[in-house]
């Protein structure tokens, strides 16, 4: 595998950690506000019971490590029965080493899809995703690099085509997120990193992939509730997620004549390494508690939406849509 992008990927991870360290120093090692809501218990309406706050206090360095999360994210959806919704397809997923990306990779594989896994420097997590995909009886490749680099996106597409002979589904999912309580503390470096990962990365990947996609293919982007409702402490991140929503709607219209659909899944709080590698430990303990369901989603509760939007069997007349999965609207 081409490893010339490894130094750049590791440098980006170092840059992210430096941005985080500056904010951690201001906030204090265990600082931050608390959770919220009355102690009425979380809503359990799924196929199995999901963890609910309070969680153990924990904080990670970026990009985050799924294996270190407590409790472990639930991504494998053992109740999900594959039925060939993506049979014979090949998918390229960024940020597929953990969180939503890993769960999407597993469910895609269960539906008959080979998967290319892209990540930054979370080597052990990426290998676990590869193992999980292969356990479903599908092929997997792993690539390490920075999505902000257009050359890496071109390489990732080329390696996907080399390994699988096709590329049918593209999932731009990698993200950088870091809360800032004071606008004055949002540095240019921080702002620039967020835009390069969350916007340039999506553009680079789709630009590289689209020329190789055929009618029936699809692009499923990861947006966010912050791109719909905003977030006072995620000014830059919310802006990029709103941009992703607009990009998908526009690109969906642009590519419709070619039979390529483009949609967005916009999650609310999800139990992934992204958040303990952002929020302070006390906030992590109460993560998701302010949703209507009083808990964060688990990755396997979000991934089925990607299967739905990726499969031409299920969503052939859907393009340019943003599907929020946020645990309910409180109106408050």
Protein backbone atom coordinates (compact mmCIF):
# COMPACT_ATOMS: atom_id res chain seq x y z
CA UNK A 1 0.00 0.00 0.00
CA UNK A 2 1.20 3.54 -0.80
CA UNK A 3 2.55 5.00 2.46
CA UNK A 4 3.85 8.33 1.18
CA UNK A 5 0.90 10.09 2.80
CA UNK A 6 1.67 8.72 6.27
CA UNK A 7 3.94 11.62 7.38
CA UNK A 8 1.29 14.18 6.40
CA UNK A 9 -1.41 12.23 8.23
CA UNK A 10 0.69 12.06 11.38
CA UNK A 11 1.50 15.79 11.15
CA UNK A 12 -2.21 16.61 10.89
CA UNK A 13 -2.93 14.46 13.94
CA UNK A 14 -0.18 16.34 15.81
CA UNK A 15 -1.71 19.67 14.71
CA UNK A 16 -5.11 18.58 15.99
CA UNK A 17 -3.64 17.58 19.34
CA UNK A 18 -1.89 20.96 19.63
CA UNK A 19 -5.14 22.84 19.03
CA UNK A 20 -6.85 20.64 21.60
CA UNK A 21 -4.07 21.11 24.16
CA UNK A 22 -4.41 24.90 24.01
CA UNK A 23 -8.14 24.73 24.68
CA UNK A 24 -7.72 22.07 27.38
CA UNK A 25 -5.26 24.36 29.14
CA UNK A 26 -7.82 27.18 29.22
CA UNK A 27 -10.70 24.98 30.31
CA UNK A 28 -8.78 23.04 32.94
CA UNK A 29 -8.11 19.33 33.00
CA UNK A 30 -11.54 18.41 34.38
CA UNK A 31 -13.41 21.65 33.82
CA UNK A 32 -16.53 22.39 31.91
CA UNK A 33 -20.17 22.58 32.76
CA UNK A 34 -22.32 19.61 33.52
CA UNK A 35 -25.05 17.71 31.86
CA UNK A 36 -28.67 18.54 32.25
CA UNK A 37 -32.17 17.31 32.43
CA UNK A 38 -34.15 15.60 35.16
CA UNK A 39 -33.17 12.15 36.30
CA UNK A 40 -36.05 10.39 34.57
CA UNK A 41 -34.02 7.74 32.77
CA UNK A 42 -33.18 7.53 29.10
CA UNK A 43 -35.60 6.43 26.41
CA UNK A 44 -34.99 2.84 25.32
CA UNK A 45 -36.87 2.25 22.06
CA UNK A 46 -34.35 0.16 20.12
CA UNK A 47 -33.62 -3.46 19.35
CA UNK A 48 -31.49 -3.70 22.50
CA UNK A 49 -30.75 -1.59 25.56
CA UNK A 50 -28.26 1.24 25.11
CA UNK A 51 -25.99 2.92 27.68
CA UNK A 52 -27.22 6.12 29.27
CA UNK A 53 -25.60 8.93 31.27
CA UNK A 54 -23.89 9.45 33.54
CA UNK A 55 -20.83 7.84 31.95
CA UNK A 56 -17.37 7.55 33.50
CA UNK A 57 -15.51 10.85 33.34
CA UNK A 58 -13.00 10.58 30.49
CA UNK A 59 -11.03 12.74 28.09
CA UNK A 60 -8.91 11.69 25.12
CA UNK A 61 -6.30 13.23 22.88
CA UNK A 62 -7.23 13.66 19.24
CA UNK A 63 -8.16 12.02 16.95
CA UNK A 64 -9.47 9.69 19.67
CA UNK A 65 -9.34 5.97 20.34
CA UNK A 66 -12.48 3.84 20.22
CA UNK A 67 -10.85 1.01 22.16
CA UNK A 68 -10.37 3.37 25.13
CA UNK A 69 -14.00 4.52 25.33
CA UNK A 70 -15.98 3.43 28.39
CA UNK A 71 -18.52 2.07 27.73
CA UNK A 72 -17.46 0.65 24.38
CA UNK A 73 -19.51 2.02 21.48
CA UNK A 74 -22.10 -0.40 20.11
CA UNK A 75 -21.51 -0.66 16.38
CA UNK A 76 -22.07 -4.25 15.23
CA UNK A 77 -25.91 -4.31 15.23
CA UNK A 78 -26.28 -8.08 15.80
CA UNK A 79 -30.01 -7.80 15.15
CA UNK A 80 -29.44 -6.47 11.60
CA UNK A 81 -29.99 -9.17 8.98
CA UNK A 82 -28.35 -8.52 5.62
CA UNK A 83 -30.44 -8.93 2.49
CA UNK A 84 -28.16 -7.92 -0.38
CA UNK A 85 -29.08 -4.23 -0.42
CA UNK A 86 -25.53 -3.40 -1.61
CA UNK A 87 -24.65 -6.73 -3.20
CA UNK A 88 -21.52 -6.54 -5.36
CA UNK A 89 -20.86 -2.90 -4.51
CA UNK A 90 -17.64 -1.26 -3.31
CA UNK A 91 -17.59 1.67 -0.89
CA UNK A 92 -14.97 4.19 0.20
CA UNK A 93 -15.49 5.56 3.73
CA UNK A 94 -13.34 8.21 5.42
CA UNK A 95 -13.11 8.20 9.20
CA UNK A 96 -14.07 4.53 9.03
CA UNK A 97 -11.72 3.44 11.80
CA UNK A 98 -14.25 4.17 14.56
CA UNK A 99 -17.61 5.58 15.51
CA UNK A 100 -20.27 6.01 12.85
CA UNK A 101 -17.79 5.20 10.09
CA UNK A 102 -16.98 1.79 11.55
CA UNK A 103 -20.64 0.87 12.01
CA UNK A 104 -21.43 1.97 8.45
CA UNK A 105 -18.56 -0.18 7.17
CA UNK A 106 -19.88 -3.23 9.03
CA UNK A 107 -23.47 -2.84 7.85
CA UNK A 108 -22.36 -2.14 4.29
CA UNK A 109 -20.35 -5.37 4.39
CA UNK A 110 -23.32 -7.26 5.78
CA UNK A 111 -25.29 -6.03 2.78
CA UNK A 112 -22.70 -7.42 0.34
CA UNK A 113 -20.33 -4.47 -0.08
CA UNK A 114 -16.52 -4.43 -0.08
CA UNK A 115 -15.10 -1.51 1.91
CA UNK A 116 -12.11 0.83 1.67
CA UNK A 117 -11.32 2.23 5.13
CA UNK A 118 -9.59 5.61 5.42
CA UNK A 119 -8.23 7.01 8.68
CA UNK A 120 -5.75 9.53 10.09
CA UNK A 121 -3.44 7.82 12.60
CA UNK A 122 -5.73 5.49 14.58
CA UNK A 123 -4.01 2.33 13.33
CA UNK A 124 -5.39 -0.13 15.88
CA UNK A 125 -8.97 1.11 15.45
CA UNK A 126 -8.68 0.88 11.66
CA UNK A 127 -7.46 -2.71 11.87
CA UNK A 128 -10.41 -3.58 14.09
CA UNK A 129 -12.76 -2.18 11.44
CA UNK A 130 -10.97 -4.24 8.79
CA UNK A 131 -11.41 -7.34 10.92
CA UNK A 132 -15.10 -6.61 11.40
CA UNK A 133 -15.68 -6.13 7.66
CA UNK A 134 -13.82 -9.32 6.79
CA UNK A 135 -15.82 -11.18 9.44
CA UNK A 136 -18.90 -10.33 7.36
CA UNK A 137 -17.32 -12.17 4.42
CA UNK A 138 -16.32 -9.07 2.42
CA UNK A 139 -12.99 -7.59 1.37
CA UNK A 140 -11.45 -4.58 3.08
CA UNK A 141 -8.44 -2.35 2.52
CA UNK A 142 -7.05 0.28 4.90
CA UNK A 143 -5.48 3.60 3.91
CA UNK A 144 -3.86 6.19 6.15
CA UNK A 145 -3.82 9.85 5.18
CA UNK A 146 -5.24 13.34 5.54
CA UNK A 147 -8.45 13.96 3.59
CA UNK A 148 -7.55 17.64 3.34
CA UNK A 149 -4.84 16.63 0.87
CA UNK A 150 -6.36 16.19 -2.61
CA UNK A 151 -3.52 13.83 -3.55
CA UNK A 152 -4.54 11.46 -0.77
CA UNK A 153 -8.14 11.41 -1.98
CA UNK A 154 -6.97 10.60 -5.50
CA UNK A 155 -4.79 7.80 -4.15
CA UNK A 156 -7.64 6.44 -2.02
CA UNK A 157 -9.96 6.28 -5.03
CA UNK A 158 -7.26 4.67 -7.16
CA UNK A 159 -6.55 2.03 -4.50
CA UNK A 160 -10.26 1.30 -4.14
CA UNK A 161 -10.56 0.75 -7.88
CA UNK A 162 -7.42 -1.38 -7.86
CA UNK A 163 -8.68 -3.57 -5.01
CA UNK A 164 -12.34 -3.93 -6.00
CA UNK A 165 -12.55 -2.90 -9.65
CA UNK A 166 -15.30 -0.35 -8.97
CA UNK A 167 -16.53 2.36 -6.65
CA UNK A 168 -20.26 2.61 -6.05
CA UNK A 169 -20.70 4.39 -2.71
CA UNK A 170 -18.67 7.23 -1.26
CA UNK A 171 -19.08 8.24 2.39
CA UNK A 172 -17.22 11.44 3.32
CA UNK A 173 -17.31 11.12 7.09
CA UNK A 174 -13.98 12.22 8.63
CA UNK A 175 -14.35 15.29 10.83
CA UNK A 176 -12.47 17.65 13.14
CA UNK A 177 -14.39 19.17 16.07
CA UNK A 178 -13.22 21.16 19.08
CA UNK A 179 -15.41 23.28 21.36
CA UNK A 180 -14.37 26.88 22.10
CA UNK A 181 -16.23 28.80 24.80
CA UNK A 182 -14.99 32.27 23.79
CA UNK A 183 -15.00 33.47 20.17
CA UNK A 184 -11.67 35.19 20.84
CA UNK A 185 -10.11 31.80 21.51
CA UNK A 186 -11.03 30.44 18.06
CA UNK A 187 -7.65 30.78 16.38
CA UNK A 188 -7.00 30.91 12.66
CA UNK A 189 -5.15 27.59 12.89
CA UNK A 190 -8.14 25.95 14.57
CA UNK A 191 -10.61 27.49 12.08
CA UNK A 192 -8.41 26.50 9.15
CA UNK A 193 -8.06 22.89 10.33
CA UNK A 194 -11.83 22.52 10.75
CA UNK A 195 -12.54 23.81 7.25
CA UNK A 196 -9.78 21.78 5.64
CA UNK A 197 -10.97 18.51 7.17
CA UNK A 198 -14.73 19.03 7.06
CA UNK A 199 -15.15 20.94 3.78
CA UNK A 200 -12.00 20.48 1.70
CA UNK A 201 -11.95 16.81 2.66
CA UNK A 202 -15.49 16.29 1.38
CA UNK A 203 -14.77 18.19 -1.82
CA UNK A 204 -11.50 16.36 -2.45
CA UNK A 205 -13.03 12.91 -2.01
CA UNK A 206 -16.11 13.48 -4.15
CA UNK A 207 -14.08 15.26 -6.85
CA UNK A 208 -11.75 12.27 -7.09
CA UNK A 209 -14.49 9.63 -6.98
CA UNK A 210 -17.28 10.96 -9.19
CA UNK A 211 -15.54 10.39 -12.55
CA UNK A 212 -15.38 6.67 -11.72
CA UNK A 213 -18.95 6.26 -10.49
CA UNK A 214 -21.76 4.87 -12.61
CA UNK A 215 -25.51 5.32 -12.61
CA UNK A 216 -26.93 3.76 -9.45
CA UNK A 217 -24.03 4.96 -7.34
CA UNK A 218 -24.46 7.24 -4.37
CA UNK A 219 -22.68 9.65 -2.08
CA UNK A 220 -23.77 9.75 1.56
CA UNK A 221 -22.21 12.58 3.55
CA UNK A 222 -22.09 13.00 7.31
CA UNK A 223 -23.64 16.28 8.36
CA UNK A 224 -24.77 17.27 11.85
CA UNK A 225 -27.60 18.73 13.85
CA UNK A 226 -25.22 21.66 14.40
CA UNK A 227 -25.49 22.44 10.70
CA UNK A 228 -29.26 22.78 11.15
CA UNK A 229 -29.58 24.42 14.56
CA UNK A 230 -26.11 25.87 15.17
CA UNK A 231 -24.06 25.51 18.35
CA UNK A 232 -22.71 28.40 20.38
CA UNK A 233 -19.43 26.63 21.19
CA UNK A 234 -18.91 25.02 17.76
CA UNK A 235 -18.95 28.06 15.50
CA UNK A 236 -16.53 26.71 12.91
CA UNK A 237 -17.80 23.12 13.03
CA UNK A 238 -21.43 24.21 12.68
CA UNK A 239 -20.51 26.36 9.70
CA UNK A 240 -18.82 23.43 7.95
CA UNK A 241 -21.73 21.10 8.62
CA UNK A 242 -24.18 23.64 7.20
CA UNK A 243 -21.87 23.90 4.21
CA UNK A 244 -21.92 20.12 3.80
CA UNK A 245 -25.72 20.15 3.75
CA UNK A 246 -25.77 22.83 1.05
CA UNK A 247 -23.01 21.08 -0.91
CA UNK A 248 -24.94 17.81 -0.92
CA UNK A 249 -28.16 19.45 -2.05
CA UNK A 250 -26.36 21.23 -4.88
CA UNK A 251 -24.25 18.24 -5.89
CA UNK A 252 -27.33 16.01 -5.81
CA UNK A 253 -29.01 18.25 -8.38
CA UNK A 254 -25.83 18.45 -10.45
CA UNK A 255 -25.27 14.68 -10.58
CA UNK A 256 -28.89 13.60 -10.95
CA UNK A 257 -28.68 13.37 -14.78
CA UNK A 258 -25.82 10.90 -14.32
CA UNK A 259 -27.85 8.69 -11.97
CA UNK A 260 -25.66 9.43 -8.95
CA UNK A 261 -27.59 10.37 -5.82
CA UNK A 262 -26.19 12.59 -3.03
CA UNK A 263 -27.65 12.74 0.47
CA UNK A 264 -26.71 13.60 4.05
CA UNK A 265 -27.20 11.95 7.43
CA UNK A 266 -27.20 14.65 10.12
CA UNK A 267 -26.74 13.04 13.56
CA UNK A 268 -27.16 14.60 16.96
CA UNK A 269 -24.95 13.37 19.82
CA UNK A 270 -23.43 9.94 19.12
CA UNK A 271 -21.15 7.95 21.43
CA UNK A 272 -17.91 7.99 19.43
CA UNK A 273 -14.27 9.02 20.11
CA UNK A 274 -14.97 12.40 18.47
CA UNK A 275 -16.60 13.73 21.62
CA UNK A 276 -14.32 12.56 24.48
CA UNK A 277 -11.50 13.89 22.28
CA UNK A 278 -13.24 17.27 22.34
CA UNK A 279 -15.31 17.81 25.48
CA UNK A 280 -13.96 18.00 29.01
CA UNK A 281 -14.33 14.92 31.22
CA UNK A 282 -17.31 16.18 33.24
CA UNK A 283 -19.21 17.10 30.06
CA UNK A 284 -18.50 13.66 28.61
CA UNK A 285 -20.06 12.10 31.70
CA UNK A 286 -23.36 13.76 30.79
CA UNK A 287 -23.02 13.59 27.01
CA UNK A 288 -26.36 13.35 25.22
CA UNK A 289 -28.38 13.83 28.40
CA UNK A 290 -30.08 16.97 27.05
CA UNK A 291 -31.69 15.20 24.09
CA UNK A 292 -35.33 14.22 24.25
CA UNK A 293 -34.20 10.61 24.68
CA UNK A 294 -31.79 11.67 27.46
CA UNK A 295 -28.86 9.74 26.04
CA UNK A 296 -26.54 9.79 23.02
CA UNK A 297 -27.14 7.49 20.08
CA UNK A 298 -24.90 4.49 19.58
CA UNK A 299 -23.23 4.19 16.14
CA UNK A 300 -25.42 1.21 15.18
CA UNK A 301 -28.48 3.43 15.62
CA UNK A 302 -27.18 5.82 12.96
CA UNK A 303 -25.59 3.44 10.42
CA UNK A 304 -28.87 2.00 9.04
CA UNK A 305 -29.66 5.44 7.59
CA UNK A 306 -26.49 5.20 5.49
CA UNK A 307 -27.54 1.79 4.18
CA UNK A 308 -30.95 3.21 3.32
CA UNK A 309 -29.53 6.21 1.44
CA UNK A 310 -26.77 4.20 -0.26
CA UNK A 311 -28.96 1.39 -1.59
CA UNK A 312 -30.65 1.88 -4.97
CA UNK A 313 -33.17 -0.71 -3.81
CA UNK A 314 -34.35 1.55 -1.01
CA UNK A 315 -33.87 5.20 -1.96
CA UNK A 316 -33.70 5.45 -5.75
CA UNK A 317 -35.93 8.57 -5.77
CA UNK A 318 -34.12 10.38 -2.95
CA UNK A 319 -31.36 12.89 -3.64
CA UNK A 320 -30.28 16.18 -2.10
CA UNK A 321 -31.92 15.35 1.22
CA UNK A 322 -30.69 15.90 4.78
CA UNK A 323 -31.87 13.25 7.24
CA UNK A 324 -31.56 14.40 10.87
CA UNK A 325 -31.21 11.67 13.51
CA UNK A 326 -31.03 13.70 16.69
CA UNK A 327 -33.07 11.91 19.34
CA UNK A 328 -36.09 14.19 19.08
CA UNK A 329 -36.92 17.90 19.04
CA UNK A 330 -37.43 19.54 22.42
CA UNK A 331 -38.66 22.92 21.24
CA UNK A 332 -36.65 24.50 24.03
